[in-house]
Amino acid sequence: METTRLSTKGQIVLPKNIRASRLWGPGTEFTVEETRDGVLLRPARPFPETDLEEVAGCLRSKRKAKTVAQMHTASEREVIRRHDRGRY
């Protein structure tokens, strides 16, 4: 286990072998969460969370759903189906 130190500017340097193994380069953004056991550092998601209404036009489908509610229901069914098959 390696150690690091907090600078006067509040910065922490992650050990090189950890950065290299995770492919974290300069500019990588992280989320920081305080947990019961300490501080959890995760790479930030490249895309913000969105609602189905915001991305529905991006989905490929052989048929067009008639309403947003129908698209939502179909998406939920597919997630459940994939979960039941062990895909998630």
N, C-alpha and C. Protein backbone atom coordinates (compact mmCIF):
# COMPACT_ATOMS: atom_id res chain seq x y z
N MET A 1 0.85 -1.17 0.00
CA MET A 1 0.00 0.00 0.00
C MET A 1 0.89 1.23 0.00
N GLU A 2 0.55 2.17 -0.84
CA GLU A 2 1.31 3.41 -0.94
C GLU A 2 0.61 4.52 -0.17
N THR A 3 1.35 5.55 0.16
CA THR A 3 0.76 6.70 0.84
C THR A 3 0.97 7.94 -0.01
N THR A 4 0.17 8.94 0.26
CA THR A 4 0.28 10.22 -0.42
C THR A 4 -0.02 11.30 0.60
N ARG A 5 0.15 12.54 0.22
CA ARG A 5 -0.01 13.63 1.16
C ARG A 5 -0.90 14.72 0.56
N LEU A 6 -1.69 15.36 1.39
CA LEU A 6 -2.54 16.47 0.99
C LEU A 6 -1.70 17.74 0.97
N SER A 7 -1.73 18.45 -0.16
CA SER A 7 -0.95 19.68 -0.27
C SER A 7 -1.68 20.85 0.39
N THR A 8 -0.99 21.98 0.51
CA THR A 8 -1.60 23.17 1.10
C THR A 8 -2.73 23.69 0.22
N LYS A 9 -2.75 23.29 -1.05
CA LYS A 9 -3.82 23.70 -1.97
C LYS A 9 -4.96 22.68 -1.98
N GLY A 10 -4.90 21.65 -1.15
CA GLY A 10 -5.96 20.65 -1.09
C GLY A 10 -5.84 19.58 -2.15
N GLN A 11 -4.66 19.44 -2.75
CA GLN A 11 -4.46 18.47 -3.82
C GLN A 11 -3.82 17.20 -3.29
N ILE A 12 -4.20 16.07 -3.92
CA ILE A 12 -3.62 14.77 -3.60
C ILE A 12 -3.09 14.18 -4.89
N VAL A 13 -1.87 13.66 -4.86
CA VAL A 13 -1.29 13.01 -6.03
C VAL A 13 -1.56 11.51 -5.91
N LEU A 14 -2.22 10.96 -6.93
CA LEU A 14 -2.45 9.51 -6.96
C LEU A 14 -1.19 8.83 -7.44
N PRO A 15 -0.80 7.72 -6.82
CA PRO A 15 0.41 7.03 -7.25
C PRO A 15 0.36 6.66 -8.73
N LYS A 16 1.52 6.73 -9.37
CA LYS A 16 1.62 6.52 -10.82
C LYS A 16 1.09 5.16 -11.25
N ASN A 17 1.41 4.10 -10.49
CA ASN A 17 0.95 2.77 -10.89
C ASN A 17 -0.57 2.65 -10.89
N ILE A 18 -1.25 3.37 -9.99
CA ILE A 18 -2.72 3.36 -9.97
C ILE A 18 -3.25 4.12 -11.17
N ARG A 19 -2.69 5.30 -11.45
CA ARG A 19 -3.12 6.08 -12.62
C ARG A 19 -2.91 5.29 -13.91
N ALA A 20 -1.78 4.62 -14.02
CA ALA A 20 -1.48 3.86 -15.24
C ALA A 20 -2.41 2.66 -15.39
N SER A 21 -2.66 1.94 -14.31
CA SER A 21 -3.51 0.74 -14.41
C SER A 21 -4.95 1.09 -14.74
N ARG A 22 -5.40 2.27 -14.34
CA ARG A 22 -6.78 2.71 -14.62
C ARG A 22 -6.88 3.56 -15.87
N LEU A 23 -5.75 3.85 -16.50
CA LEU A 23 -5.70 4.70 -17.70
C LEU A 23 -6.26 6.10 -17.42
N TRP A 24 -5.94 6.65 -16.23
CA TRP A 24 -6.34 7.99 -15.86
C TRP A 24 -5.24 8.96 -16.25
N GLY A 25 -5.53 9.80 -17.22
CA GLY A 25 -4.55 10.79 -17.66
C GLY A 25 -4.89 12.16 -17.13
N PRO A 26 -4.06 13.15 -17.47
CA PRO A 26 -4.32 14.52 -17.06
C PRO A 26 -5.69 14.97 -17.55
N GLY A 27 -6.42 15.65 -16.71
CA GLY A 27 -7.73 16.16 -17.08
C GLY A 27 -8.88 15.22 -16.75
N THR A 28 -8.59 14.01 -16.28
CA THR A 28 -9.66 13.08 -15.90
C THR A 28 -10.45 13.70 -14.75
N GLU A 29 -11.76 13.73 -14.88
CA GLU A 29 -12.61 14.29 -13.83
C GLU A 29 -13.14 13.16 -12.96
N PHE A 30 -13.31 13.47 -11.67
CA PHE A 30 -13.75 12.48 -10.70
C PHE A 30 -14.92 13.01 -9.89
N THR A 31 -15.72 12.07 -9.39
CA THR A 31 -16.72 12.42 -8.38
C THR A 31 -16.13 11.98 -7.05
N VAL A 32 -16.42 12.72 -6.02
CA VAL A 32 -15.89 12.43 -4.68
C VAL A 32 -17.07 12.28 -3.74
N GLU A 33 -17.14 11.14 -3.06
CA GLU A 33 -18.23 10.88 -2.13
C GLU A 33 -17.66 10.54 -0.76
N GLU A 34 -18.27 11.09 0.26
CA GLU A 34 -17.89 10.73 1.61
C GLU A 34 -18.71 9.51 2.02
N THR A 35 -18.04 8.45 2.47
CA THR A 35 -18.72 7.23 2.88
C THR A 35 -18.41 6.95 4.34
N ARG A 36 -19.03 5.94 4.88
CA ARG A 36 -18.79 5.56 6.27
C ARG A 36 -17.34 5.13 6.48
N ASP A 37 -16.75 4.52 5.45
CA ASP A 37 -15.38 4.01 5.56
C ASP A 37 -14.31 4.99 5.14
N GLY A 38 -14.68 6.11 4.55
CA GLY A 38 -13.70 7.08 4.10
C GLY A 38 -14.21 7.89 2.93
N VAL A 39 -13.36 8.12 1.96
CA VAL A 39 -13.71 8.92 0.78
C VAL A 39 -13.62 8.02 -0.44
N LEU A 40 -14.65 8.07 -1.29
CA LEU A 40 -14.70 7.25 -2.49
C LEU A 40 -14.47 8.15 -3.70
N LEU A 41 -13.51 7.79 -4.52
CA LEU A 41 -13.14 8.56 -5.71
C LEU A 41 -13.47 7.72 -6.93
N ARG A 42 -14.30 8.27 -7.84
CA ARG A 42 -14.68 7.57 -9.07
C ARG A 42 -14.52 8.49 -10.26
N PRO A 43 -14.14 7.94 -11.42
CA PRO A 43 -14.13 8.78 -12.61
C PRO A 43 -15.54 9.26 -12.90
N ALA A 44 -15.68 10.51 -13.28
CA ALA A 44 -17.01 11.07 -13.57
C ALA A 44 -17.54 10.43 -14.85
N ARG A 45 -18.85 10.31 -14.93
CA ARG A 45 -19.46 9.77 -16.14
C ARG A 45 -19.25 10.75 -17.28
N PRO A 46 -18.97 10.24 -18.48
CA PRO A 46 -18.73 11.15 -19.59
C PRO A 46 -19.98 11.88 -20.05
N PHE A 47 -21.14 11.35 -19.74
CA PHE A 47 -22.39 11.97 -20.15
C PHE A 47 -23.27 12.18 -18.93
N PRO A 48 -23.97 13.29 -18.85
CA PRO A 48 -24.87 13.51 -17.72
C PRO A 48 -26.09 12.60 -17.82
N GLU A 49 -26.71 12.34 -16.67
CA GLU A 49 -27.92 11.54 -16.67
C GLU A 49 -29.01 12.32 -17.41
N THR A 50 -29.82 11.59 -18.18
CA THR A 50 -30.87 12.22 -18.97
C THR A 50 -32.18 11.45 -18.79
N ASP A 51 -33.25 12.07 -19.21
CA ASP A 51 -34.56 11.42 -19.20
C ASP A 51 -34.81 10.79 -20.56
N LEU A 52 -35.71 9.83 -20.61
CA LEU A 52 -36.05 9.17 -21.86
C LEU A 52 -36.51 10.18 -22.90
N GLU A 53 -37.26 11.17 -22.47
CA GLU A 53 -37.79 12.17 -23.40
C GLU A 53 -36.67 12.91 -24.13
N GLU A 54 -35.51 13.05 -23.48
CA GLU A 54 -34.40 13.78 -24.07
C GLU A 54 -33.65 12.98 -25.12
N VAL A 55 -33.71 11.64 -25.04
CA VAL A 55 -32.92 10.81 -25.95
C VAL A 55 -33.75 9.86 -26.80
N ALA A 56 -35.05 9.92 -26.68
CA ALA A 56 -35.90 8.96 -27.37
C ALA A 56 -35.67 8.96 -28.88
N GLY A 57 -35.38 10.08 -29.46
CA GLY A 57 -35.14 10.14 -30.90
C GLY A 57 -33.85 9.47 -31.32
N CYS A 58 -32.96 9.16 -30.37
CA CYS A 58 -31.67 8.53 -30.67
C CYS A 58 -31.78 7.01 -30.72
N LEU A 59 -32.86 6.44 -30.23
CA LEU A 59 -33.00 4.99 -30.15
C LEU A 59 -33.41 4.42 -31.49
N ARG A 60 -32.79 3.28 -31.86
CA ARG A 60 -33.18 2.61 -33.10
C ARG A 60 -34.36 1.68 -32.82
N SER A 61 -35.30 1.67 -33.71
CA SER A 61 -36.46 0.80 -33.56
C SER A 61 -37.04 0.53 -34.94
N LYS A 62 -37.62 -0.67 -35.09
CA LYS A 62 -38.28 -0.99 -36.35
C LYS A 62 -39.65 -0.33 -36.43
N ARG A 63 -40.21 -0.05 -35.27
CA ARG A 63 -41.52 0.60 -35.22
C ARG A 63 -41.42 1.87 -34.41
N LYS A 64 -42.31 2.76 -34.69
CA LYS A 64 -42.39 4.00 -33.91
C LYS A 64 -43.44 3.81 -32.82
N ALA A 65 -43.08 4.12 -31.59
CA ALA A 65 -44.05 4.08 -30.51
C ALA A 65 -44.99 5.26 -30.64
N LYS A 66 -46.22 5.09 -30.21
CA LYS A 66 -47.20 6.16 -30.39
C LYS A 66 -47.08 7.25 -29.35
N THR A 67 -46.67 6.88 -28.13
CA THR A 67 -46.56 7.88 -27.07
C THR A 67 -45.27 7.67 -26.29
N VAL A 68 -44.91 8.69 -25.54
CA VAL A 68 -43.74 8.60 -24.67
C VAL A 68 -43.96 7.53 -23.61
N ALA A 69 -45.17 7.41 -23.11
CA ALA A 69 -45.50 6.40 -22.10
C ALA A 69 -45.27 4.99 -22.65
N GLN A 70 -45.63 4.76 -23.90
CA GLN A 70 -45.41 3.44 -24.52
C GLN A 70 -43.91 3.16 -24.67
N MET A 71 -43.14 4.18 -25.04
CA MET A 71 -41.68 4.00 -25.15
C MET A 71 -41.09 3.68 -23.79
N HIS A 72 -41.57 4.38 -22.76
CA HIS A 72 -41.07 4.15 -21.41
C HIS A 72 -41.37 2.72 -20.96
N THR A 73 -42.58 2.26 -21.22
CA THR A 73 -42.98 0.90 -20.86
C THR A 73 -42.14 -0.13 -21.60
N ALA A 74 -41.92 0.08 -22.89
CA ALA A 74 -41.12 -0.85 -23.67
C ALA A 74 -39.68 -0.90 -23.17
N SER A 75 -39.12 0.25 -22.81
CA SER A 75 -37.75 0.29 -22.28
C SER A 75 -37.66 -0.46 -20.96
N GLU A 76 -38.63 -0.25 -20.08
CA GLU A 76 -38.65 -0.95 -18.81
C GLU A 76 -38.74 -2.46 -18.99
N ARG A 77 -39.60 -2.90 -19.93
CA ARG A 77 -39.72 -4.34 -20.21
C ARG A 77 -38.40 -4.92 -20.68
N GLU A 78 -37.70 -4.19 -21.55
CA GLU A 78 -36.42 -4.68 -22.08
C GLU A 78 -35.37 -4.77 -20.98
N VAL A 79 -35.33 -3.79 -20.08
CA VAL A 79 -34.38 -3.83 -18.98
C VAL A 79 -34.66 -5.04 -18.09
N ILE A 80 -35.93 -5.28 -17.79
CA ILE A 80 -36.30 -6.44 -16.97
C ILE A 80 -35.92 -7.74 -17.68
N ARG A 81 -36.19 -7.81 -18.99
CA ARG A 81 -35.86 -9.01 -19.76
C ARG A 81 -34.35 -9.27 -19.73
N ARG A 82 -33.56 -8.24 -19.94
CA ARG A 82 -32.10 -8.42 -19.92
C ARG A 82 -31.61 -8.77 -18.54
N HIS A 83 -32.20 -8.17 -17.53
CA HIS A 83 -31.80 -8.48 -16.14
C HIS A 83 -32.08 -9.94 -15.83
N ASP A 84 -33.24 -10.42 -16.24
CA ASP A 84 -33.62 -11.81 -15.98
C ASP A 84 -32.68 -12.78 -16.71
N ARG A 85 -32.10 -12.36 -17.83
CA ARG A 85 -31.17 -13.21 -18.58
C ARG A 85 -29.74 -13.08 -18.05
N GLY A 86 -29.54 -12.24 -17.02
CA GLY A 86 -28.22 -12.10 -16.43
C GLY A 86 -27.33 -11.13 -17.15
N ARG A 87 -27.88 -10.24 -17.96
CA ARG A 87 -27.06 -9.30 -18.73
C ARG A 87 -26.69 -8.08 -17.92
N TYR A 88 -27.41 -7.81 -16.80
CA TYR A 88 -27.09 -6.65 -15.96
C TYR A 88 -26.83 -7.08 -14.55
